[in-house]
N, C-alpha and C. Protein backbone atom coordinates (compact mmCIF):
# COMPACT_ATOMS: atom_id res chain seq x y z
N MET A 1 59.21 103.10 124.35
CA MET A 1 59.92 101.77 124.29
C MET A 1 59.69 101.10 122.96
N ARG A 2 60.72 100.55 122.38
CA ARG A 2 60.78 99.85 121.15
C ARG A 2 60.31 98.35 121.38
N PRO A 3 59.55 97.79 120.60
CA PRO A 3 59.33 96.40 120.77
C PRO A 3 60.59 95.55 120.35
N ARG A 4 60.90 94.52 121.24
CA ARG A 4 62.11 93.66 120.96
C ARG A 4 61.76 92.71 119.90
N LYS A 5 62.68 92.52 119.02
CA LYS A 5 62.69 91.53 117.97
C LYS A 5 62.96 90.23 118.54
N ILE A 6 62.06 89.30 118.23
CA ILE A 6 62.35 87.77 118.76
C ILE A 6 62.90 87.07 117.67
N GLN A 7 64.15 86.64 117.79
CA GLN A 7 64.76 85.88 116.70
C GLN A 7 64.65 84.30 117.00
N ARG A 8 64.57 83.65 115.97
CA ARG A 8 64.51 82.19 116.06
C ARG A 8 65.90 81.67 116.38
N ARG A 9 66.08 80.76 117.29
CA ARG A 9 67.37 80.35 117.73
C ARG A 9 68.07 79.41 116.54
N LYS A 10 69.28 79.82 116.34
CA LYS A 10 69.94 79.07 115.26
C LYS A 10 70.41 77.72 115.71
N PHE A 11 70.42 76.67 114.90
CA PHE A 11 70.83 75.36 115.44
C PHE A 11 71.90 74.94 114.39
N CYS A 12 72.67 73.88 115.06
CA CYS A 12 73.77 73.34 114.09
C CYS A 12 73.27 72.36 113.21
N ARG A 13 73.42 72.52 111.86
CA ARG A 13 72.93 71.69 110.84
C ARG A 13 73.51 70.46 110.80
N PHE A 14 74.87 70.31 111.36
CA PHE A 14 75.44 69.02 111.40
C PHE A 14 75.09 68.16 112.50
N CYS A 15 74.70 68.79 113.69
CA CYS A 15 74.22 68.05 114.95
C CYS A 15 72.93 67.64 114.54
N ALA A 16 71.98 68.33 113.89
CA ALA A 16 70.60 67.87 113.53
C ALA A 16 70.67 66.76 112.73
N ASP A 17 71.55 66.59 111.82
CA ASP A 17 71.68 65.55 110.77
C ASP A 17 72.50 64.55 111.25
N LYS A 18 73.04 64.62 112.51
CA LYS A 18 73.95 63.48 113.06
C LYS A 18 75.11 63.18 112.19
N VAL A 19 75.87 64.27 111.66
CA VAL A 19 76.94 64.03 110.78
C VAL A 19 78.19 63.53 111.63
N GLU A 20 78.76 62.44 111.19
CA GLU A 20 80.00 62.01 111.89
C GLU A 20 81.20 62.92 111.69
N PHE A 21 81.56 63.20 110.46
CA PHE A 21 82.66 64.19 110.15
C PHE A 21 82.25 64.92 108.84
N ILE A 22 82.78 65.97 108.65
CA ILE A 22 82.56 66.89 107.47
C ILE A 22 83.54 66.54 106.37
N ASP A 23 83.23 66.15 105.33
CA ASP A 23 83.95 65.61 104.21
C ASP A 23 84.53 66.79 103.39
N TYR A 24 85.70 66.91 103.16
CA TYR A 24 86.34 68.03 102.48
C TYR A 24 86.00 67.86 100.96
N LYS A 25 85.61 66.72 100.54
CA LYS A 25 85.41 66.49 98.99
C LYS A 25 83.97 66.83 98.70
N ASN A 26 83.08 67.10 99.69
CA ASN A 26 81.86 67.59 99.33
C ASN A 26 81.77 69.19 99.23
N VAL A 27 82.16 69.66 98.00
CA VAL A 27 82.29 70.94 97.60
C VAL A 27 81.09 71.73 97.70
N LYS A 28 79.85 71.03 97.29
CA LYS A 28 78.66 71.77 97.29
C LYS A 28 78.33 72.25 98.64
N LEU A 29 78.53 71.48 99.67
CA LEU A 29 78.20 71.76 101.07
C LEU A 29 79.14 72.86 101.58
N LEU A 30 80.47 72.64 101.27
CA LEU A 30 81.39 73.69 101.74
C LEU A 30 81.23 75.08 101.17
N ARG A 31 80.73 75.20 99.85
CA ARG A 31 80.36 76.44 99.23
C ARG A 31 79.44 77.22 99.94
N SER A 32 78.50 76.55 100.64
CA SER A 32 77.49 77.34 101.32
C SER A 32 77.95 77.92 102.59
N PHE A 33 79.11 77.66 103.08
CA PHE A 33 79.70 78.27 104.17
C PHE A 33 80.87 79.18 103.97
N ILE A 34 81.05 79.58 102.71
CA ILE A 34 82.05 80.67 102.39
C ILE A 34 81.37 81.66 101.56
N THR A 35 82.03 82.99 101.62
CA THR A 35 81.48 84.05 100.93
C THR A 35 81.90 84.03 99.60
N GLU A 36 81.35 84.91 98.73
CA GLU A 36 81.94 85.03 97.24
C GLU A 36 83.45 85.64 97.32
N ARG A 37 83.72 86.29 98.34
CA ARG A 37 85.12 86.84 98.43
C ARG A 37 86.08 85.72 99.04
N GLY A 38 85.55 84.45 99.41
CA GLY A 38 86.38 83.46 99.97
C GLY A 38 86.55 83.32 101.36
N LYS A 39 85.81 84.15 102.15
CA LYS A 39 86.00 84.07 103.59
C LYS A 39 84.95 83.01 104.18
N ILE A 40 85.35 82.47 105.29
CA ILE A 40 84.57 81.50 106.02
C ILE A 40 83.59 82.23 106.88
N PHE A 41 82.22 81.89 106.74
CA PHE A 41 81.27 82.43 107.53
C PHE A 41 81.52 82.22 109.12
N PRO A 42 81.37 83.13 109.99
CA PRO A 42 81.41 82.67 111.40
C PRO A 42 80.29 81.91 111.91
N SER A 43 80.52 81.27 113.01
CA SER A 43 79.44 80.39 113.55
C SER A 43 78.25 81.11 114.00
N ARG A 44 78.43 82.41 114.41
CA ARG A 44 77.23 83.17 114.89
C ARG A 44 76.36 83.53 113.66
N MET A 45 76.80 83.32 112.46
CA MET A 45 75.89 83.63 111.37
C MET A 45 75.30 82.34 110.84
N THR A 46 76.03 81.26 110.88
CA THR A 46 75.61 80.05 110.31
C THR A 46 74.89 79.20 111.31
N GLY A 47 75.15 79.39 112.61
CA GLY A 47 74.55 78.66 113.73
C GLY A 47 75.18 77.34 113.96
N THR A 48 76.35 77.06 113.46
CA THR A 48 77.04 75.79 113.68
C THR A 48 77.63 75.73 115.08
N CYS A 49 77.76 74.66 115.77
CA CYS A 49 78.42 74.60 117.16
C CYS A 49 79.96 74.73 116.87
N ALA A 50 80.54 74.94 117.91
CA ALA A 50 82.04 75.10 118.03
C ALA A 50 82.82 73.93 117.49
N ARG A 51 82.42 72.80 117.73
CA ARG A 51 83.11 71.56 117.34
C ARG A 51 82.98 71.41 115.77
N HIS A 52 81.75 71.51 115.29
CA HIS A 52 81.59 71.45 113.82
C HIS A 52 82.15 72.70 113.08
N GLN A 53 82.14 73.84 113.65
CA GLN A 53 82.76 75.02 112.97
C GLN A 53 84.27 74.69 112.77
N ARG A 54 84.99 74.12 113.87
CA ARG A 54 86.42 73.78 113.63
C ARG A 54 86.60 72.70 112.53
N GLU A 55 85.71 71.62 112.48
CA GLU A 55 85.77 70.71 111.50
C GLU A 55 85.61 71.30 110.09
N LEU A 56 84.63 72.22 110.08
CA LEU A 56 84.21 72.81 108.67
C LEU A 56 85.46 73.69 108.27
N SER A 57 85.94 74.53 109.17
CA SER A 57 87.12 75.37 108.64
C SER A 57 88.34 74.53 108.23
N GLY A 58 88.51 73.38 108.83
CA GLY A 58 89.60 72.49 108.46
C GLY A 58 89.29 71.79 107.11
N ALA A 59 88.11 71.41 106.89
CA ALA A 59 87.65 70.87 105.71
C ALA A 59 87.69 71.86 104.56
N ILE A 60 87.46 73.07 104.75
CA ILE A 60 87.51 74.18 103.68
C ILE A 60 88.98 74.44 103.26
N LYS A 61 89.88 74.63 104.42
CA LYS A 61 91.22 74.75 104.12
C LYS A 61 91.80 73.67 103.38
N LYS A 62 91.49 72.40 103.70
CA LYS A 62 92.03 71.19 103.02
C LYS A 62 91.61 71.23 101.60
N ALA A 63 90.25 71.53 101.44
CA ALA A 63 89.77 71.60 100.05
C ALA A 63 90.39 72.64 99.26
N ARG A 64 90.79 73.73 99.74
CA ARG A 64 91.52 74.78 99.09
C ARG A 64 92.91 74.38 98.74
N ASN A 65 93.60 73.73 99.56
CA ASN A 65 94.94 73.18 99.34
C ASN A 65 95.05 72.27 98.13
N ILE A 66 94.07 71.46 98.08
CA ILE A 66 94.09 70.43 96.89
C ILE A 66 93.30 70.91 95.71
N ALA A 67 92.94 72.23 95.64
CA ALA A 67 92.24 72.93 94.45
C ALA A 67 90.89 72.36 94.31
N LEU A 68 90.12 71.97 95.22
CA LEU A 68 88.73 71.53 94.96
C LEU A 68 87.92 72.93 95.13
N LEU A 69 88.41 73.73 95.98
CA LEU A 69 87.74 75.12 96.16
C LEU A 69 88.76 76.12 95.84
N SER A 70 88.30 77.23 95.25
CA SER A 70 89.30 78.31 94.98
C SER A 70 89.30 79.22 96.32
N PHE A 71 90.50 79.96 96.38
CA PHE A 71 90.64 80.80 97.45
C PHE A 71 89.78 82.11 97.30
N MET A 72 89.54 82.45 96.20
CA MET A 72 88.71 83.63 95.98
C MET A 72 87.88 83.51 94.54
N GLU A 73 86.65 83.86 94.52
CA GLU A 73 85.94 83.82 93.27
C GLU A 73 86.38 84.94 92.35
N LYS A 74 86.20 84.81 91.05
CA LYS A 74 86.69 85.91 90.13
C LYS A 74 85.42 86.74 89.72
């Protein structure tokens, strides 16, 4: 029998800080949720709840459309 790994439960960063809405102009925050290839991290990796994951993806897409974030790093 292998010993089971006990992982610490991931928590939503936005719920813990009681964030009202995710601002698309906060590029520094949004960059931590996308890969260097430009993909949005899934909630199972970041630990965000479903509500904030939807807001986060919308904010990232809005920031990309007005060129605050690039679609892909060079």
